[in-house]
Amino acid sequence: MKNKYIISLISTICLSTSLFAQLSVDTTTLKTFELGEVIVVSSSIPNSTSEIKSQDLEKFQKASISSSLNLLPGVSVSQVGGRNEAMVYIRGYDLRQVPVFIDGMPVYVPYDGYIDLARLQPGNISKISVSKGFSSMLYGANSMGGAINIVSAKPVSKLEINGNTGGYFSSKGMNGYNTSLNVGTKQGKWYALANLSLLNRDFTSLASGFDTLRNEKDYKRRHH
């Protein structure tokens, strides 16, 4: 009697499993349908790019690339380090996340990855293009904050000669001058441009409460 009960129980379980499997197949078959054609349309989002033309540099009498970048919103410039280097910040990112290019070629100091933009003069600059935030992948890595591309001017005639000079003075004696000379030529399919720039300043003025070092007698940090 016990064996008959076990056989009957096994048969019931097998029958229930078969019915459940058949029910599952039928349910899946009933839910099958054709979705049809789906069209997804998207549009490219332009990045935030600003430009400083050569006319702007002349209008505001900017003596360096770093001071020129102060004309743009979202860009700040400060003087840092023992050499009073110009550090540019775009939306909180410094020059390690905002690479600098000259005609598409990256420029930086291999020692620390920075570049002192105050040393670059705008004498032969056509424009400065600044991309903020997301930038083109053509700029490569380390461009989370954007990119700065300095575009050189191109001569349009057989012989071009131009230059400028200026000076600045202060009551504390922080005097200096800057001068620039450009010579260019365009001959058919090729052109050439030479630039000579000079920037001279006696010293860098420090805060009045600055603690002088051993070789410093006052608030003037002189260039030796």
N, C-alpha and C. Protein backbone atom coordinates (compact mmCIF):
# COMPACT_ATOMS: atom_id res chain seq x y z
N MET A 1 0.83 -1.20 0.00
CA MET A 1 0.00 0.00 0.00
C MET A 1 0.87 1.25 0.00
N LYS A 2 1.94 1.17 0.74
CA LYS A 2 2.87 2.30 0.82
C LYS A 2 3.51 2.57 -0.51
N ASN A 3 3.90 1.52 -1.24
CA ASN A 3 4.53 1.69 -2.55
C ASN A 3 3.56 2.31 -3.55
N LYS A 4 2.28 1.90 -3.47
CA LYS A 4 1.28 2.47 -4.38
C LYS A 4 1.10 3.96 -4.11
N TYR A 5 1.18 4.34 -2.82
CA TYR A 5 1.01 5.76 -2.46
C TYR A 5 2.17 6.59 -3.00
N ILE A 6 3.38 6.07 -2.91
CA ILE A 6 4.57 6.78 -3.42
C ILE A 6 4.48 6.93 -4.93
N ILE A 7 4.09 5.85 -5.64
CA ILE A 7 3.97 5.92 -7.09
C ILE A 7 2.90 6.92 -7.49
N SER A 8 1.81 6.93 -6.76
CA SER A 8 0.72 7.88 -7.07
C SER A 8 1.17 9.32 -6.85
N LEU A 9 1.97 9.57 -5.80
CA LEU A 9 2.47 10.91 -5.50
C LEU A 9 3.43 11.39 -6.58
N ILE A 10 4.32 10.51 -7.02
CA ILE A 10 5.28 10.86 -8.08
C ILE A 10 4.55 11.18 -9.37
N SER A 11 3.53 10.42 -9.70
CA SER A 11 2.76 10.67 -10.92
C SER A 11 2.06 12.01 -10.85
N THR A 12 1.54 12.34 -9.67
CA THR A 12 0.86 13.64 -9.50
C THR A 12 1.82 14.79 -9.68
N ILE A 13 3.04 14.68 -9.11
CA ILE A 13 4.05 15.73 -9.24
C ILE A 13 4.46 15.92 -10.69
N CYS A 14 4.71 14.83 -11.41
CA CYS A 14 5.10 14.91 -12.83
C CYS A 14 4.00 15.55 -13.66
N LEU A 15 2.74 15.18 -13.37
CA LEU A 15 1.63 15.76 -14.11
C LEU A 15 1.50 17.25 -13.84
N SER A 16 1.71 17.64 -12.58
CA SER A 16 1.63 19.07 -12.23
C SER A 16 2.73 19.87 -12.92
N THR A 17 3.94 19.29 -12.97
CA THR A 17 5.07 19.97 -13.62
C THR A 17 4.81 20.15 -15.10
N SER A 18 4.27 19.12 -15.75
CA SER A 18 3.97 19.20 -17.18
C SER A 18 2.92 20.26 -17.46
N LEU A 19 1.88 20.30 -16.61
CA LEU A 19 0.83 21.31 -16.80
C LEU A 19 1.37 22.72 -16.60
N PHE A 20 2.25 22.90 -15.59
CA PHE A 20 2.83 24.22 -15.32
C PHE A 20 3.72 24.68 -16.47
N ALA A 21 4.53 23.74 -17.01
CA ALA A 21 5.39 24.08 -18.15
C ALA A 21 4.55 24.45 -19.36
N GLN A 22 3.47 23.68 -19.60
CA GLN A 22 2.61 23.97 -20.74
C GLN A 22 1.93 25.33 -20.58
N LEU A 23 1.53 25.62 -19.32
CA LEU A 23 0.88 26.90 -19.05
C LEU A 23 1.85 28.06 -19.26
N SER A 24 3.13 27.88 -18.87
CA SER A 24 4.13 28.92 -19.05
C SER A 24 4.37 29.20 -20.52
N VAL A 25 4.46 28.16 -21.32
CA VAL A 25 4.68 28.34 -22.75
C VAL A 25 3.52 29.08 -23.39
N ASP A 26 2.33 28.69 -22.99
CA ASP A 26 1.15 29.33 -23.56
C ASP A 26 1.09 30.81 -23.18
N THR A 27 1.44 31.12 -21.93
CA THR A 27 1.40 32.51 -21.47
C THR A 27 2.42 33.35 -22.22
N THR A 28 3.62 32.82 -22.43
CA THR A 28 4.65 33.55 -23.16
C THR A 28 4.24 33.79 -24.60
N THR A 29 3.64 32.78 -25.18
CA THR A 29 3.19 32.91 -26.57
C THR A 29 2.11 33.98 -26.71
N LEU A 30 1.23 34.07 -25.74
CA LEU A 30 0.16 35.05 -25.80
C LEU A 30 0.68 36.48 -25.67
N LYS A 31 1.84 36.70 -24.97
CA LYS A 31 2.38 38.03 -24.75
C LYS A 31 3.31 38.50 -25.86
N THR A 32 3.58 37.66 -26.84
CA THR A 32 4.48 38.03 -27.93
C THR A 32 3.79 39.00 -28.88
N PHE A 33 4.49 40.11 -29.21
CA PHE A 33 3.93 41.08 -30.15
C PHE A 33 5.08 41.75 -30.88
N GLU A 34 4.80 42.37 -31.99
CA GLU A 34 5.79 43.07 -32.80
C GLU A 34 5.74 44.56 -32.48
N LEU A 35 6.90 45.09 -32.08
CA LEU A 35 6.97 46.50 -31.70
C LEU A 35 6.91 47.42 -32.90
N GLY A 36 7.49 47.02 -34.00
CA GLY A 36 7.51 47.86 -35.18
C GLY A 36 8.77 48.72 -35.23
N GLU A 37 8.80 49.67 -36.14
CA GLU A 37 9.98 50.50 -36.35
C GLU A 37 10.05 51.61 -35.30
N VAL A 38 11.24 51.77 -34.70
CA VAL A 38 11.49 52.81 -33.71
C VAL A 38 12.57 53.74 -34.24
N ILE A 39 12.28 55.01 -34.32
CA ILE A 39 13.22 56.01 -34.83
C ILE A 39 13.66 56.91 -33.67
N VAL A 40 14.96 56.98 -33.43
CA VAL A 40 15.53 57.81 -32.37
C VAL A 40 16.25 58.98 -33.02
N VAL A 41 15.86 60.18 -32.67
CA VAL A 41 16.45 61.39 -33.25
C VAL A 41 17.14 62.17 -32.15
N SER A 42 18.38 62.57 -32.38
CA SER A 42 19.14 63.37 -31.40
C SER A 42 19.82 64.52 -32.13
N SER A 43 20.15 65.53 -31.38
CA SER A 43 20.85 66.69 -31.93
C SER A 43 22.11 66.95 -31.13
N SER A 44 23.16 67.37 -31.80
CA SER A 44 24.43 67.64 -31.13
C SER A 44 24.32 68.92 -30.30
N ILE A 45 24.95 68.89 -29.13
CA ILE A 45 24.94 70.04 -28.23
C ILE A 45 26.24 70.80 -28.42
N PRO A 46 26.20 72.03 -28.90
CA PRO A 46 27.45 72.77 -29.11
C PRO A 46 28.13 73.10 -27.79
N ASN A 47 29.45 73.01 -27.78
CA ASN A 47 30.19 73.36 -26.57
C ASN A 47 30.34 74.87 -26.47
N SER A 48 30.67 75.31 -25.27
CA SER A 48 30.81 76.74 -25.01
C SER A 48 32.21 77.18 -25.42
N THR A 49 32.29 77.96 -26.49
CA THR A 49 33.57 78.43 -27.02
C THR A 49 33.54 79.94 -27.16
N SER A 50 34.59 80.59 -26.67
CA SER A 50 34.73 82.04 -26.79
C SER A 50 36.03 82.36 -27.51
N GLU A 51 36.05 83.49 -28.18
CA GLU A 51 37.23 83.89 -28.94
C GLU A 51 37.60 85.33 -28.62
N ILE A 52 38.90 85.57 -28.61
CA ILE A 52 39.45 86.92 -28.47
C ILE A 52 40.19 87.24 -29.76
N LYS A 53 39.72 88.22 -30.48
CA LYS A 53 40.32 88.60 -31.75
C LYS A 53 41.52 89.52 -31.51
N SER A 54 42.34 89.65 -32.56
CA SER A 54 43.50 90.54 -32.47
C SER A 54 43.06 91.99 -32.27
N GLN A 55 41.88 92.35 -32.80
CA GLN A 55 41.36 93.70 -32.60
C GLN A 55 41.07 93.97 -31.12
N ASP A 56 40.61 92.94 -30.40
CA ASP A 56 40.36 93.10 -28.97
C ASP A 56 41.66 93.30 -28.20
N LEU A 57 42.71 92.61 -28.62
CA LEU A 57 44.00 92.76 -27.95
C LEU A 57 44.54 94.17 -28.12
N GLU A 58 44.36 94.74 -29.31
CA GLU A 58 44.81 96.11 -29.54
C GLU A 58 43.93 97.13 -28.81
N LYS A 59 42.65 96.86 -28.77
CA LYS A 59 41.72 97.80 -28.14
C LYS A 59 41.98 97.93 -26.65
N PHE A 60 42.20 96.82 -25.98
CA PHE A 60 42.39 96.83 -24.53
C PHE A 60 43.85 96.87 -24.12
N GLN A 61 44.76 96.95 -25.09
CA GLN A 61 46.19 97.11 -24.82
C GLN A 61 46.70 96.00 -23.88
N LYS A 62 46.47 94.76 -24.27
CA LYS A 62 46.92 93.64 -23.47
C LYS A 62 48.37 93.30 -23.82
N ALA A 63 49.20 93.16 -22.78
CA ALA A 63 50.63 92.93 -22.98
C ALA A 63 51.01 91.46 -22.93
N SER A 64 50.08 90.57 -22.57
CA SER A 64 50.40 89.14 -22.49
C SER A 64 49.14 88.33 -22.75
N ILE A 65 49.33 87.04 -23.01
CA ILE A 65 48.20 86.16 -23.25
C ILE A 65 47.37 86.00 -21.98
N SER A 66 48.03 85.91 -20.83
CA SER A 66 47.31 85.72 -19.57
C SER A 66 46.38 86.89 -19.27
N SER A 67 46.86 88.11 -19.44
CA SER A 67 46.00 89.27 -19.19
C SER A 67 44.87 89.36 -20.21
N SER A 68 45.08 88.84 -21.41
CA SER A 68 44.03 88.85 -22.43
C SER A 68 42.88 87.93 -22.06
N LEU A 69 43.18 86.82 -21.39
CA LEU A 69 42.13 85.86 -21.03
C LEU A 69 41.19 86.42 -19.98
N ASN A 70 41.59 87.47 -19.28
CA ASN A 70 40.70 88.11 -18.30
C ASN A 70 39.49 88.76 -18.94
N LEU A 71 39.50 88.91 -20.25
CA LEU A 71 38.37 89.52 -20.95
C LEU A 71 37.18 88.58 -21.06
N LEU A 72 37.39 87.29 -20.84
CA LEU A 72 36.34 86.29 -21.05
C LEU A 72 35.63 85.95 -19.74
N PRO A 73 34.32 85.75 -19.77
CA PRO A 73 33.61 85.30 -18.57
C PRO A 73 33.93 83.85 -18.25
N GLY A 74 33.95 83.51 -16.98
CA GLY A 74 34.25 82.15 -16.57
C GLY A 74 35.72 81.82 -16.55
N VAL A 75 36.58 82.80 -16.85
CA VAL A 75 38.03 82.60 -16.86
C VAL A 75 38.65 83.57 -15.86
N SER A 76 39.49 83.05 -14.98
CA SER A 76 40.18 83.89 -14.00
C SER A 76 41.68 83.63 -14.07
N VAL A 77 42.45 84.65 -13.80
CA VAL A 77 43.91 84.58 -13.85
C VAL A 77 44.47 85.06 -12.53
N SER A 78 45.43 84.34 -11.99
CA SER A 78 46.09 84.73 -10.74
C SER A 78 47.59 84.49 -10.87
N GLN A 79 48.34 85.15 -10.03
CA GLN A 79 49.79 85.01 -10.01
C GLN A 79 50.17 84.06 -8.88
N VAL A 80 50.92 83.02 -9.19
CA VAL A 80 51.24 81.99 -8.20
C VAL A 80 52.73 81.67 -8.28
N GLY A 81 53.21 81.01 -7.22
CA GLY A 81 54.58 80.49 -7.21
C GLY A 81 55.63 81.54 -6.93
N GLY A 82 56.83 81.06 -6.69
CA GLY A 82 57.96 81.94 -6.41
C GLY A 82 58.39 82.76 -7.60
N ARG A 83 58.03 82.35 -8.81
CA ARG A 83 58.39 83.09 -10.02
C ARG A 83 57.25 83.98 -10.51
N ASN A 84 56.19 84.09 -9.71
CA ASN A 84 55.05 84.95 -10.05
C ASN A 84 54.46 84.56 -11.41
N GLU A 85 54.27 83.28 -11.62
CA GLU A 85 53.74 82.79 -12.89
C GLU A 85 52.23 83.02 -12.97
N ALA A 86 51.75 83.19 -14.18
CA ALA A 86 50.32 83.39 -14.41
C ALA A 86 49.62 82.04 -14.49
N MET A 87 48.64 81.82 -13.62
CA MET A 87 47.86 80.60 -13.61
C MET A 87 46.43 80.92 -14.06
N VAL A 88 45.95 80.17 -15.03
CA VAL A 88 44.62 80.40 -15.59
C VAL A 88 43.67 79.32 -15.08
N TYR A 89 42.50 79.73 -14.65
CA TYR A 89 41.46 78.82 -14.17
C TYR A 89 40.21 79.00 -15.03
N ILE A 90 39.67 77.87 -15.50
CA ILE A 90 38.42 77.87 -16.26
C ILE A 90 37.43 76.98 -15.52
N ARG A 91 36.41 77.59 -14.97
CA ARG A 91 35.39 76.87 -14.21
C ARG A 91 36.00 76.01 -13.12
N GLY A 92 37.03 76.52 -12.46
CA GLY A 92 37.65 75.83 -11.34
C GLY A 92 38.80 74.92 -11.72
N TYR A 93 39.04 74.66 -12.99
CA TYR A 93 40.13 73.80 -13.43
C TYR A 93 41.35 74.65 -13.79
N ASP A 94 42.54 74.16 -13.40
CA ASP A 94 43.75 74.88 -13.76
C ASP A 94 44.33 74.32 -15.06
N LEU A 95 45.56 74.71 -15.38
CA LEU A 95 46.15 74.37 -16.67
C LEU A 95 46.49 72.89 -16.82
N ARG A 96 46.43 72.12 -15.75
CA ARG A 96 46.64 70.68 -15.90
C ARG A 96 45.41 69.99 -16.49
N GLN A 97 44.25 70.58 -16.30
CA GLN A 97 43.03 70.06 -16.91
C GLN A 97 42.54 70.93 -18.06
N VAL A 98 43.26 72.02 -18.35
CA VAL A 98 42.94 72.91 -19.47
C VAL A 98 44.21 73.06 -20.31
N PRO A 99 44.47 72.18 -21.26
CA PRO A 99 45.71 72.25 -22.03
C PRO A 99 45.77 73.49 -22.91
N VAL A 100 46.99 73.94 -23.18
CA VAL A 100 47.24 75.11 -24.02
C VAL A 100 47.87 74.64 -25.32
N PHE A 101 47.37 75.16 -26.44
CA PHE A 101 47.88 74.81 -27.76
C PHE A 101 48.25 76.08 -28.51
N ILE A 102 49.27 75.97 -29.33
CA ILE A 102 49.63 77.03 -30.27
C ILE A 102 49.50 76.45 -31.67
N ASP A 103 48.53 76.92 -32.40
CA ASP A 103 48.21 76.39 -33.73
C ASP A 103 47.97 74.88 -33.69
N GLY A 104 47.30 74.42 -32.63
CA GLY A 104 46.95 73.02 -32.51
C GLY A 104 48.03 72.14 -31.91
N MET A 105 49.20 72.69 -31.59
CA MET A 105 50.29 71.91 -30.99
C MET A 105 50.33 72.18 -29.49
N PRO A 106 50.33 71.13 -28.66
CA PRO A 106 50.34 71.35 -27.20
C PRO A 106 51.67 71.93 -26.73
N VAL A 107 51.59 72.84 -25.77
CA VAL A 107 52.78 73.45 -25.18
C VAL A 107 52.65 73.41 -23.66
N TYR A 108 53.70 72.95 -23.00
CA TYR A 108 53.73 72.92 -21.55
C TYR A 108 55.15 72.60 -21.10
N VAL A 109 55.41 72.83 -19.84
CA VAL A 109 56.71 72.53 -19.26
C VAL A 109 56.70 71.07 -18.78
N PRO A 110 57.59 70.20 -19.27
CA PRO A 110 57.56 68.80 -18.86
C PRO A 110 57.73 68.59 -17.36
N TYR A 111 58.37 69.55 -16.67
CA TYR A 111 58.65 69.38 -15.25
C TYR A 111 57.38 69.25 -14.42
N ASP A 112 56.40 70.14 -14.65
CA ASP A 112 55.19 70.12 -13.84
C ASP A 112 53.90 70.15 -14.66
N GLY A 113 54.00 70.23 -15.99
CA GLY A 113 52.80 70.23 -16.81
C GLY A 113 52.14 71.57 -16.99
N TYR A 114 52.73 72.63 -16.42
CA TYR A 114 52.16 73.97 -16.55
C TYR A 114 52.92 74.78 -17.59
N ILE A 115 52.38 75.97 -17.90
CA ILE A 115 53.06 76.92 -18.76
C ILE A 115 52.72 78.32 -18.27
N ASP A 116 53.71 79.18 -18.21
CA ASP A 116 53.51 80.56 -17.77
C ASP A 116 53.02 81.38 -18.96
N LEU A 117 51.71 81.62 -19.02
CA LEU A 117 51.14 82.36 -20.15
C LEU A 117 51.53 83.82 -20.14
N ALA A 118 52.05 84.32 -19.03
CA ALA A 118 52.51 85.72 -19.00
C ALA A 118 53.74 85.92 -19.87
N ARG A 119 54.44 84.84 -20.20
CA ARG A 119 55.62 84.95 -21.05
C ARG A 119 55.27 85.01 -22.54
N LEU A 120 54.06 84.68 -22.89
CA LEU A 120 53.65 84.68 -24.30
C LEU A 120 53.06 86.04 -24.64
N GLN A 121 53.64 86.70 -25.64
CA GLN A 121 53.20 88.03 -26.05
C GLN A 121 52.21 87.92 -27.21
N PRO A 122 51.23 88.83 -27.27
CA PRO A 122 50.19 88.75 -28.31
C PRO A 122 50.56 89.48 -29.60
N GLY A 123 51.84 89.71 -29.85
CA GLY A 123 52.23 90.49 -31.01
C GLY A 123 51.86 89.86 -32.34
N ASN A 124 51.95 88.55 -32.45
CA ASN A 124 51.65 87.88 -33.73
C ASN A 124 50.47 86.93 -33.60
N ILE A 125 49.50 87.30 -32.78
CA ILE A 125 48.34 86.46 -32.53
C ILE A 125 47.16 86.92 -33.38
N SER A 126 46.52 85.96 -34.05
CA SER A 126 45.30 86.26 -34.80
C SER A 126 44.07 86.20 -33.91
N LYS A 127 44.00 85.15 -33.09
CA LYS A 127 42.89 85.03 -32.15
C LYS A 127 43.26 84.00 -31.09
N ILE A 128 42.52 84.03 -29.99
CA ILE A 128 42.66 83.06 -28.91
C ILE A 128 41.30 82.39 -28.73
N SER A 129 41.25 81.09 -28.96
CA SER A 129 40.00 80.34 -28.84
C SER A 129 40.00 79.57 -27.52
N VAL A 130 38.96 79.76 -26.73
CA VAL A 130 38.86 79.12 -25.41
C VAL A 130 37.59 78.28 -25.37
N SER A 131 37.76 76.97 -25.19
CA SER A 131 36.63 76.06 -25.02
C SER A 131 36.45 75.78 -23.54
N LYS A 132 35.23 75.92 -23.05
CA LYS A 132 34.95 75.74 -21.63
C LYS A 132 34.15 74.46 -21.44
N GLY A 133 34.53 73.71 -20.40
CA GLY A 133 33.83 72.47 -20.12
C GLY A 133 34.17 71.41 -21.15
N PHE A 134 33.14 70.72 -21.64
CA PHE A 134 33.34 69.65 -22.62
C PHE A 134 33.95 70.23 -23.89
N SER A 135 35.05 69.63 -24.34
CA SER A 135 35.74 70.11 -25.54
C SER A 135 35.93 68.95 -26.51
N SER A 136 36.43 69.26 -27.69
CA SER A 136 36.60 68.26 -28.73
C SER A 136 37.63 67.21 -28.30
N MET A 137 37.40 65.97 -28.73
CA MET A 137 38.35 64.89 -28.43
C MET A 137 39.66 65.07 -29.19
N LEU A 138 39.67 65.95 -30.18
CA LEU A 138 40.91 66.22 -30.91
C LEU A 138 41.95 66.88 -30.02
N TYR A 139 41.51 67.49 -28.92
CA TYR A 139 42.46 68.10 -27.99
C TYR A 139 43.18 67.07 -27.14
N GLY A 140 42.72 65.83 -27.14
CA GLY A 140 43.41 64.78 -26.41
C GLY A 140 42.96 64.68 -24.96
N ALA A 141 43.83 64.07 -24.15
CA ALA A 141 43.51 63.82 -22.75
C ALA A 141 43.71 65.08 -21.91
N ASN A 142 43.26 64.99 -20.65
CA ASN A 142 43.43 66.06 -19.66
C ASN A 142 42.78 67.37 -20.09
N SER A 143 41.61 67.27 -20.70
CA SER A 143 40.89 68.47 -21.12
C SER A 143 39.51 68.52 -20.47
N MET A 144 39.45 68.18 -19.18
CA MET A 144 38.18 68.17 -18.47
C MET A 144 37.60 69.57 -18.34
N GLY A 145 38.47 70.57 -18.14
CA GLY A 145 37.98 71.93 -17.96
C GLY A 145 37.84 72.71 -19.25
N GLY A 146 38.36 72.19 -20.35
CA GLY A 146 38.31 72.90 -21.63
C GLY A 146 39.67 72.89 -22.31
N ALA A 147 39.91 73.87 -23.15
CA ALA A 147 41.18 73.96 -23.88
C ALA A 147 41.37 75.40 -24.35
N ILE A 148 42.64 75.79 -24.48
CA ILE A 148 43.01 77.12 -24.97
C ILE A 148 43.87 76.93 -26.21
N ASN A 149 43.43 77.47 -27.34
CA ASN A 149 44.17 77.36 -28.59
C ASN A 149 44.54 78.76 -29.07
N ILE A 150 45.83 79.01 -29.19
CA ILE A 150 46.35 80.30 -29.64
C ILE A 150 46.67 80.17 -31.12
N VAL A 151 46.02 80.98 -31.94
CA VAL A 151 46.17 80.90 -33.40
C VAL A 151 47.05 82.05 -33.87
N SER A 152 48.12 81.70 -34.58
CA SER A 152 49.06 82.71 -35.08
C SER A 152 48.47 83.44 -36.28
N ALA A 153 48.91 84.67 -36.45
CA ALA A 153 48.47 85.47 -37.60
C ALA A 153 49.16 85.01 -38.87
N LYS A 154 48.52 85.21 -40.01
CA LYS A 154 49.08 84.86 -41.31
C LYS A 154 49.20 86.11 -42.17
N PRO A 155 50.34 86.33 -42.77
CA PRO A 155 50.47 87.50 -43.66
C PRO A 155 49.61 87.33 -44.91
N VAL A 156 49.15 88.46 -45.45
CA VAL A 156 48.28 88.42 -46.63
C VAL A 156 48.90 89.13 -47.83
N SER A 157 50.08 89.71 -47.67
CA SER A 157 50.75 90.41 -48.77
C SER A 157 52.20 89.95 -48.87
N LYS A 158 52.90 90.42 -49.88
CA LYS A 158 54.27 89.98 -50.10
C LYS A 158 55.22 90.43 -49.00
N LEU A 159 54.95 91.57 -48.40
CA LEU A 159 55.80 92.05 -47.32
C LEU A 159 54.95 92.80 -46.31
N GLU A 160 55.03 92.36 -45.06
CA GLU A 160 54.31 93.01 -43.97
C GLU A 160 55.27 93.26 -42.82
N ILE A 161 55.27 94.48 -42.33
CA ILE A 161 56.10 94.86 -41.18
C ILE A 161 55.22 95.68 -40.24
N ASN A 162 55.11 95.24 -39.03
CA ASN A 162 54.37 96.00 -38.02
C ASN A 162 54.95 95.72 -36.65
N GLY A 163 54.70 96.60 -35.74
CA GLY A 163 55.22 96.46 -34.39
C GLY A 163 54.50 97.39 -33.44
N ASN A 164 54.77 97.20 -32.17
CA ASN A 164 54.21 98.07 -31.15
C ASN A 164 55.13 98.06 -29.94
N THR A 165 55.01 99.08 -29.14
CA THR A 165 55.80 99.19 -27.93
C THR A 165 54.99 99.92 -26.88
N GLY A 166 55.28 99.66 -25.64
CA GLY A 166 54.55 100.29 -24.54
C GLY A 166 55.33 100.20 -23.26
N GLY A 167 54.90 100.94 -22.28
CA GLY A 167 55.55 100.94 -20.98
C GLY A 167 54.54 101.14 -19.87
N TYR A 168 54.95 100.85 -18.65
CA TYR A 168 54.07 101.04 -17.50
C TYR A 168 54.92 101.49 -16.32
N PHE A 169 54.31 102.34 -15.51
CA PHE A 169 55.02 102.94 -14.39
C PHE A 169 54.09 102.94 -13.17
N SER A 170 54.69 102.95 -12.00
CA SER A 170 53.91 102.99 -10.76
C SER A 170 54.62 103.87 -9.74
N SER A 171 53.86 104.30 -8.75
CA SER A 171 54.43 105.15 -7.70
C SER A 171 55.45 104.42 -6.85
N LYS A 172 55.40 103.08 -6.84
CA LYS A 172 56.34 102.29 -6.06
C LYS A 172 57.59 101.93 -6.85
N GLY A 173 57.68 102.45 -8.06
CA GLY A 173 58.88 102.21 -8.86
C GLY A 173 58.88 100.93 -9.65
N MET A 174 57.72 100.28 -9.77
CA MET A 174 57.64 99.04 -10.54
C MET A 174 57.48 99.39 -12.02
N ASN A 175 58.57 99.76 -12.64
CA ASN A 175 58.56 100.21 -14.02
C ASN A 175 58.91 99.06 -14.96
N GLY A 176 58.47 99.17 -16.19
CA GLY A 176 58.77 98.15 -17.19
C GLY A 176 58.34 98.60 -18.56
N TYR A 177 58.68 97.79 -19.54
CA TYR A 177 58.30 98.10 -20.91
C TYR A 177 58.17 96.80 -21.70
N ASN A 178 57.45 96.88 -22.80
CA ASN A 178 57.31 95.74 -23.70
C ASN A 178 57.31 96.24 -25.14
N THR A 179 57.85 95.45 -26.02
CA THR A 179 57.92 95.81 -27.43
C THR A 179 57.79 94.55 -28.28
N SER A 180 57.26 94.71 -29.48
CA SER A 180 57.05 93.57 -30.37
C SER A 180 57.23 94.02 -31.81
N LEU A 181 57.85 93.16 -32.64
CA LEU A 181 58.09 93.44 -34.05
C LEU A 181 57.74 92.20 -34.86
N ASN A 182 56.93 92.37 -35.91
CA ASN A 182 56.52 91.28 -36.79
C ASN A 182 56.96 91.56 -38.22
N VAL A 183 57.52 90.56 -38.88
CA VAL A 183 57.89 90.64 -40.28
C VAL A 183 57.35 89.39 -40.97
N GLY A 184 56.52 89.58 -42.00
CA GLY A 184 55.92 88.45 -42.68
C GLY A 184 55.87 88.62 -44.18
N THR A 185 55.72 87.51 -44.89
CA THR A 185 55.60 87.53 -46.34
C THR A 185 54.74 86.36 -46.79
N LYS A 186 54.00 86.57 -47.88
CA LYS A 186 53.20 85.51 -48.49
C LYS A 186 53.59 85.40 -49.95
N GLN A 187 54.05 84.21 -50.33
CA GLN A 187 54.53 83.97 -51.68
C GLN A 187 53.81 82.76 -52.26
N GLY A 188 52.73 83.01 -52.98
CA GLY A 188 52.00 81.90 -53.60
C GLY A 188 51.38 80.97 -52.58
N LYS A 189 51.87 79.73 -52.55
CA LYS A 189 51.30 78.71 -51.68
C LYS A 189 51.97 78.63 -50.32
N TRP A 190 52.95 79.46 -50.05
CA TRP A 190 53.61 79.40 -48.75
C TRP A 190 53.74 80.81 -48.17
N TYR A 191 53.94 80.85 -46.89
CA TYR A 191 54.12 82.13 -46.20
C TYR A 191 55.09 81.93 -45.04
N ALA A 192 55.63 83.04 -44.56
CA ALA A 192 56.57 83.01 -43.44
C ALA A 192 56.29 84.21 -42.55
N LEU A 193 56.48 84.01 -41.26
CA LEU A 193 56.24 85.07 -40.28
C LEU A 193 57.26 84.95 -39.16
N ALA A 194 57.92 86.05 -38.86
CA ALA A 194 58.89 86.10 -37.77
C ALA A 194 58.44 87.15 -36.76
N ASN A 195 58.60 86.83 -35.49
CA ASN A 195 58.17 87.73 -34.43
C ASN A 195 59.26 87.86 -33.38
N LEU A 196 59.48 89.07 -32.93
CA LEU A 196 60.43 89.35 -31.85
C LEU A 196 59.69 90.14 -30.78
N SER A 197 59.63 89.58 -29.58
CA SER A 197 58.93 90.23 -28.46
C SER A 197 59.87 90.35 -27.27
N LEU A 198 59.74 91.44 -26.55
CA LEU A 198 60.58 91.69 -25.39
C LEU A 198 59.72 92.30 -24.29
N LEU A 199 59.81 91.72 -23.11
CA LEU A 199 59.09 92.22 -21.94
C LEU A 199 60.08 92.34 -20.79
N ASN A 200 60.17 93.50 -20.22
CA ASN A 200 61.12 93.75 -19.14
C ASN A 200 60.41 94.45 -17.98
N ARG A 201 60.70 93.97 -16.77
CA ARG A 201 60.14 94.58 -15.57
C ARG A 201 61.17 94.46 -14.45
N ASP A 202 61.29 95.52 -13.66
CA ASP A 202 62.34 95.56 -12.65
C ASP A 202 62.11 94.54 -11.54
N PHE A 203 60.89 94.45 -11.05
CA PHE A 203 60.63 93.56 -9.92
C PHE A 203 59.13 93.29 -9.84
N THR A 204 58.77 92.37 -8.94
CA THR A 204 57.38 92.05 -8.66
C THR A 204 57.03 92.55 -7.27
N SER A 205 55.97 93.32 -7.17
CA SER A 205 55.58 93.88 -5.88
C SER A 205 54.84 92.85 -5.06
N LEU A 206 55.26 92.68 -3.80
CA LEU A 206 54.63 91.73 -2.89
C LEU A 206 53.75 92.48 -1.89
N ALA A 207 53.00 91.75 -1.11
CA ALA A 207 52.14 92.36 -0.10
C ALA A 207 52.99 93.05 0.96
N SER A 208 52.42 94.11 1.56
CA SER A 208 53.18 94.88 2.56
C SER A 208 53.50 94.05 3.80
N GLY A 209 52.69 93.05 4.11
CA GLY A 209 52.95 92.21 5.28
C GLY A 209 53.79 90.99 4.99
N PHE A 210 54.43 90.95 3.83
CA PHE A 210 55.23 89.79 3.46
C PHE A 210 56.51 89.71 4.28
N ASP A 211 56.80 88.54 4.79
CA ASP A 211 58.04 88.32 5.56
C ASP A 211 59.18 88.11 4.58
N THR A 212 60.13 89.03 4.57
CA THR A 212 61.23 88.95 3.62
C THR A 212 62.14 87.77 3.92
N LEU A 213 62.76 87.27 2.87
CA LEU A 213 63.72 86.19 3.00
C LEU A 213 65.11 86.75 3.23
N ARG A 214 66.09 85.89 3.24
CA ARG A 214 67.45 86.32 3.59
C ARG A 214 68.01 87.31 2.59
N ASN A 215 67.72 87.13 1.31
CA ASN A 215 68.28 88.00 0.27
C ASN A 215 67.31 89.11 -0.16
N GLU A 216 66.24 89.30 0.58
CA GLU A 216 65.26 90.33 0.24
C GLU A 216 65.25 91.41 1.32
N LYS A 217 65.39 92.67 0.90
CA LYS A 217 65.46 93.78 1.84
C LYS A 217 64.11 94.47 2.03
N ASP A 218 63.18 94.33 1.08
CA ASP A 218 61.90 95.01 1.18
C ASP A 218 60.84 94.17 0.48
N TYR A 219 59.73 94.78 0.10
CA TYR A 219 58.61 94.08 -0.53
C TYR A 219 58.84 93.82 -2.00
N LYS A 220 60.01 94.18 -2.52
CA LYS A 220 60.28 94.03 -3.94
C LYS A 220 60.99 92.70 -4.19
N ARG A 221 60.38 91.86 -4.96
CA ARG A 221 61.03 90.61 -5.38
C ARG A 221 61.64 90.85 -6.75
N ARG A 222 62.93 91.03 -6.76
CA ARG A 222 63.62 91.43 -7.99
C ARG A 222 63.93 90.20 -8.84
N HIS A 223 64.04 90.45 -10.14
CA HIS A 223 64.34 89.40 -11.11
C HIS A 223 65.85 89.35 -11.32
N HIS A 224 66.47 88.29 -10.86
CA HIS A 224 67.91 88.14 -11.02
C HIS A 224 68.20 87.03 -12.02
